[in-house]
Amino acid sequence: MGSVNRSTVTPRKSRLARTFAKFFNEEDEKFQENAAMDAFIAKVFATISSVKATYAQDAQSPHDADGIQSADQIVVTELKRLSKFKQS
């Protein structure tokens, strides 16, 4: 009456443990994906702000060919950095 068959109790515990582990693993993966997406979006906005600031600074001067080329190079560098970040 008081005896418990261990073979029937152990599989339930391990199945329950696997279920919890799977659930928490999936939740952790979702959290990491969301964090990565948030970081990517932040980087996009930072890059756009950098480009905007560079061109806004150059727009204040009359025609400065060196300044324009410098701003163009900064834009290209930021876009390459953003592309590398996206690929990773």
N, C-alpha and C. Protein backbone atom coordinates (compact mmCIF):
# COMPACT_ATOMS: atom_id res chain seq x y z
N MET A 1 0.81 -1.19 0.00
CA MET A 1 0.00 0.00 0.00
C MET A 1 0.86 1.26 0.00
N GLY A 2 1.91 1.30 0.80
CA GLY A 2 2.75 2.47 0.88
C GLY A 2 3.92 2.43 -0.08
N SER A 3 4.08 1.38 -0.86
CA SER A 3 5.23 1.30 -1.76
C SER A 3 4.94 2.03 -3.06
N VAL A 4 5.99 2.66 -3.57
CA VAL A 4 5.88 3.40 -4.82
C VAL A 4 6.85 2.78 -5.81
N ASN A 5 6.37 2.54 -6.98
CA ASN A 5 7.22 1.97 -8.02
C ASN A 5 8.09 3.09 -8.59
N ARG A 6 9.40 3.05 -8.37
CA ARG A 6 10.32 4.10 -8.81
C ARG A 6 10.37 4.23 -10.33
N SER A 7 10.16 3.17 -11.05
CA SER A 7 10.26 3.25 -12.51
C SER A 7 9.16 4.12 -13.10
N THR A 8 8.04 4.26 -12.41
CA THR A 8 6.98 5.13 -12.94
C THR A 8 7.15 6.57 -12.48
N VAL A 9 7.81 6.82 -11.37
CA VAL A 9 7.99 8.18 -10.87
C VAL A 9 9.14 8.88 -11.59
N THR A 10 10.23 8.22 -11.80
CA THR A 10 11.42 8.83 -12.41
C THR A 10 11.16 9.37 -13.81
N PRO A 11 10.52 8.63 -14.71
CA PRO A 11 10.28 9.18 -16.05
C PRO A 11 9.44 10.45 -16.03
N ARG A 12 8.47 10.52 -15.13
CA ARG A 12 7.67 11.74 -15.05
C ARG A 12 8.53 12.93 -14.65
N LYS A 13 9.37 12.73 -13.68
CA LYS A 13 10.23 13.82 -13.24
C LYS A 13 11.18 14.23 -14.36
N SER A 14 11.77 13.28 -15.02
CA SER A 14 12.71 13.65 -16.08
C SER A 14 11.97 14.28 -17.26
N ARG A 15 10.79 13.82 -17.55
CA ARG A 15 9.99 14.43 -18.63
C ARG A 15 9.61 15.86 -18.25
N LEU A 16 9.21 16.04 -17.00
CA LEU A 16 8.87 17.38 -16.53
C LEU A 16 10.11 18.28 -16.55
N ALA A 17 11.24 17.74 -16.11
CA ALA A 17 12.48 18.52 -16.12
C ALA A 17 12.87 18.89 -17.54
N ARG A 18 12.70 17.97 -18.48
CA ARG A 18 13.01 18.27 -19.88
C ARG A 18 12.08 19.34 -20.43
N THR A 19 10.82 19.26 -20.06
CA THR A 19 9.85 20.25 -20.52
C THR A 19 10.21 21.64 -20.02
N PHE A 20 10.55 21.74 -18.72
CA PHE A 20 10.95 23.03 -18.17
C PHE A 20 12.24 23.52 -18.82
N ALA A 21 13.20 22.64 -19.00
CA ALA A 21 14.47 23.04 -19.61
C ALA A 21 14.24 23.54 -21.03
N LYS A 22 13.40 22.85 -21.78
CA LYS A 22 13.09 23.26 -23.15
C LYS A 22 12.42 24.63 -23.16
N PHE A 23 11.46 24.80 -22.26
CA PHE A 23 10.74 26.07 -22.19
C PHE A 23 11.70 27.22 -21.89
N PHE A 24 12.55 27.04 -20.86
CA PHE A 24 13.46 28.11 -20.48
C PHE A 24 14.52 28.34 -21.53
N ASN A 25 14.94 27.29 -22.21
CA ASN A 25 15.92 27.45 -23.29
C ASN A 25 15.32 28.26 -24.43
N GLU A 26 14.09 27.97 -24.79
CA GLU A 26 13.42 28.72 -25.86
C GLU A 26 13.22 30.17 -25.46
N GLU A 27 12.85 30.41 -24.20
CA GLU A 27 12.66 31.77 -23.73
C GLU A 27 13.98 32.54 -23.76
N ASP A 28 15.07 31.86 -23.38
CA ASP A 28 16.39 32.48 -23.40
C ASP A 28 16.80 32.83 -24.84
N GLU A 29 16.52 31.94 -25.78
CA GLU A 29 16.83 32.21 -27.19
C GLU A 29 16.03 33.40 -27.70
N LYS A 30 14.76 33.47 -27.33
CA LYS A 30 13.93 34.60 -27.75
C LYS A 30 14.47 35.91 -27.17
N PHE A 31 14.88 35.86 -25.90
CA PHE A 31 15.44 37.05 -25.27
C PHE A 31 16.71 37.49 -25.98
N GLN A 32 17.58 36.55 -26.32
CA GLN A 32 18.83 36.88 -27.02
C GLN A 32 18.56 37.44 -28.40
N GLU A 33 17.58 36.88 -29.10
CA GLU A 33 17.22 37.39 -30.43
C GLU A 33 16.69 38.81 -30.32
N ASN A 34 15.84 39.06 -29.32
CA ASN A 34 15.29 40.40 -29.13
C ASN A 34 16.40 41.39 -28.78
N ALA A 35 17.33 40.98 -27.94
CA ALA A 35 18.44 41.86 -27.56
C ALA A 35 19.31 42.18 -28.78
N ALA A 36 19.55 41.19 -29.61
CA ALA A 36 20.35 41.41 -30.82
C ALA A 36 19.63 42.37 -31.77
N MET A 37 18.34 42.20 -31.91
CA MET A 37 17.56 43.08 -32.78
C MET A 37 17.56 44.51 -32.23
N ASP A 38 17.41 44.65 -30.91
CA ASP A 38 17.46 45.98 -30.30
C ASP A 38 18.81 46.64 -30.53
N ALA A 39 19.88 45.88 -30.40
CA ALA A 39 21.22 46.42 -30.62
C ALA A 39 21.40 46.84 -32.07
N PHE A 40 20.89 46.03 -32.99
CA PHE A 40 21.00 46.36 -34.41
C PHE A 40 20.24 47.65 -34.73
N ILE A 41 19.04 47.77 -34.21
CA ILE A 41 18.23 48.97 -34.47
C ILE A 41 18.91 50.20 -33.88
N ALA A 42 19.47 50.07 -32.69
CA ALA A 42 20.19 51.19 -32.07
C ALA A 42 21.38 51.60 -32.93
N LYS A 43 22.09 50.61 -33.48
CA LYS A 43 23.23 50.90 -34.33
C LYS A 43 22.80 51.60 -35.62
N VAL A 44 21.69 51.19 -36.18
CA VAL A 44 21.17 51.83 -37.38
C VAL A 44 20.88 53.31 -37.11
N PHE A 45 20.19 53.58 -36.00
CA PHE A 45 19.87 54.97 -35.68
C PHE A 45 21.12 55.79 -35.36
N ALA A 46 22.10 55.19 -34.70
CA ALA A 46 23.35 55.89 -34.40
C ALA A 46 24.09 56.22 -35.68
N THR A 47 24.10 55.28 -36.62
CA THR A 47 24.77 55.53 -37.90
C THR A 47 24.08 56.62 -38.69
N ILE A 48 22.77 56.58 -38.72
CA ILE A 48 22.02 57.61 -39.44
C ILE A 48 22.24 58.98 -38.80
N SER A 49 22.26 59.02 -37.48
CA SER A 49 22.52 60.29 -36.79
C SER A 49 23.92 60.81 -37.10
N SER A 50 24.88 59.91 -37.17
CA SER A 50 26.25 60.30 -37.49
C SER A 50 26.33 60.89 -38.89
N VAL A 51 25.68 60.23 -39.83
CA VAL A 51 25.68 60.71 -41.22
C VAL A 51 24.99 62.07 -41.30
N LYS A 52 23.87 62.19 -40.63
CA LYS A 52 23.12 63.45 -40.64
C LYS A 52 23.96 64.57 -40.03
N ALA A 53 24.63 64.31 -38.92
CA ALA A 53 25.44 65.33 -38.27
C ALA A 53 26.61 65.76 -39.17
N THR A 54 27.22 64.79 -39.82
CA THR A 54 28.35 65.10 -40.71
C THR A 54 27.91 66.01 -41.85
N TYR A 55 26.80 65.66 -42.49
CA TYR A 55 26.35 66.48 -43.61
C TYR A 55 25.78 67.82 -43.14
N ALA A 56 25.18 67.85 -41.97
CA ALA A 56 24.67 69.12 -41.46
C ALA A 56 25.82 70.09 -41.19
N GLN A 57 26.91 69.57 -40.70
CA GLN A 57 28.09 70.39 -40.44
C GLN A 57 28.65 70.95 -41.75
N ASP A 58 28.70 70.11 -42.78
CA ASP A 58 29.24 70.56 -44.07
C ASP A 58 28.30 71.53 -44.77
N ALA A 59 27.02 71.44 -44.51
CA ALA A 59 26.05 72.32 -45.17
C ALA A 59 26.18 73.75 -44.68
N GLN A 60 26.79 73.95 -43.52
CA GLN A 60 26.94 75.30 -42.99
C GLN A 60 28.04 76.09 -43.69
N SER A 61 28.97 75.39 -44.27
CA SER A 61 30.06 76.09 -44.96
C SER A 61 29.68 76.31 -46.41
N PRO A 62 30.24 77.36 -47.04
CA PRO A 62 29.96 77.51 -48.48
C PRO A 62 30.50 76.30 -49.23
N HIS A 63 31.01 76.35 -50.34
CA HIS A 63 31.48 75.18 -51.07
C HIS A 63 32.89 74.81 -50.62
N ASP A 64 32.99 73.69 -49.89
CA ASP A 64 34.28 73.22 -49.39
C ASP A 64 34.49 71.81 -49.93
N ALA A 65 35.23 71.70 -51.02
CA ALA A 65 35.42 70.40 -51.67
C ALA A 65 36.07 69.38 -50.74
N ASP A 66 37.07 69.81 -49.97
CA ASP A 66 37.73 68.88 -49.05
C ASP A 66 36.77 68.41 -47.95
N GLY A 67 35.97 69.33 -47.46
CA GLY A 67 34.99 68.97 -46.43
C GLY A 67 33.95 67.99 -46.95
N ILE A 68 33.52 68.21 -48.18
CA ILE A 68 32.54 67.31 -48.79
C ILE A 68 33.13 65.92 -48.99
N GLN A 69 34.37 65.86 -49.48
CA GLN A 69 35.02 64.55 -49.65
C GLN A 69 35.22 63.85 -48.31
N SER A 70 35.57 64.61 -47.30
CA SER A 70 35.73 64.04 -45.96
C SER A 70 34.40 63.49 -45.45
N ALA A 71 33.34 64.26 -45.64
CA ALA A 71 32.01 63.80 -45.20
C ALA A 71 31.60 62.55 -45.98
N ASP A 72 31.88 62.54 -47.27
CA ASP A 72 31.56 61.35 -48.08
C ASP A 72 32.30 60.12 -47.56
N GLN A 73 33.56 60.29 -47.21
CA GLN A 73 34.35 59.16 -46.70
C GLN A 73 33.79 58.66 -45.36
N ILE A 74 33.36 59.59 -44.52
CA ILE A 74 32.76 59.20 -43.24
C ILE A 74 31.48 58.42 -43.47
N VAL A 75 30.67 58.87 -44.44
CA VAL A 75 29.42 58.16 -44.76
C VAL A 75 29.73 56.74 -45.24
N VAL A 76 30.69 56.62 -46.13
CA VAL A 76 31.05 55.30 -46.66
C VAL A 76 31.55 54.41 -45.52
N THR A 77 32.38 54.95 -44.65
CA THR A 77 32.90 54.18 -43.52
C THR A 77 31.77 53.71 -42.61
N GLU A 78 30.84 54.59 -42.30
CA GLU A 78 29.71 54.23 -41.43
C GLU A 78 28.82 53.18 -42.09
N LEU A 79 28.59 53.31 -43.38
CA LEU A 79 27.76 52.33 -44.08
C LEU A 79 28.45 50.97 -44.14
N LYS A 80 29.76 50.95 -44.32
CA LYS A 80 30.50 49.68 -44.29
C LYS A 80 30.41 49.04 -42.91
N ARG A 81 30.57 49.87 -41.87
CA ARG A 81 30.47 49.36 -40.50
C ARG A 81 29.08 48.78 -40.24
N LEU A 82 28.07 49.47 -40.70
CA LEU A 82 26.69 48.99 -40.53
C LEU A 82 26.48 47.69 -41.31
N SER A 83 27.03 47.60 -42.50
CA SER A 83 26.91 46.38 -43.30
C SER A 83 27.58 45.19 -42.61
N LYS A 84 28.77 45.42 -42.05
CA LYS A 84 29.46 44.35 -41.33
C LYS A 84 28.66 43.92 -40.11
N PHE A 85 28.09 44.88 -39.42
CA PHE A 85 27.27 44.56 -38.24
C PHE A 85 26.05 43.74 -38.64
N LYS A 86 25.43 44.12 -39.75
CA LYS A 86 24.26 43.38 -40.22
C LYS A 86 24.62 41.95 -40.59
N GLN A 87 25.76 41.76 -41.25
CA GLN A 87 26.18 40.42 -41.67
C GLN A 87 26.50 39.53 -40.48
N SER A 88 26.97 40.13 -39.40
CA SER A 88 27.29 39.32 -38.22
C SER A 88 26.01 38.97 -37.49
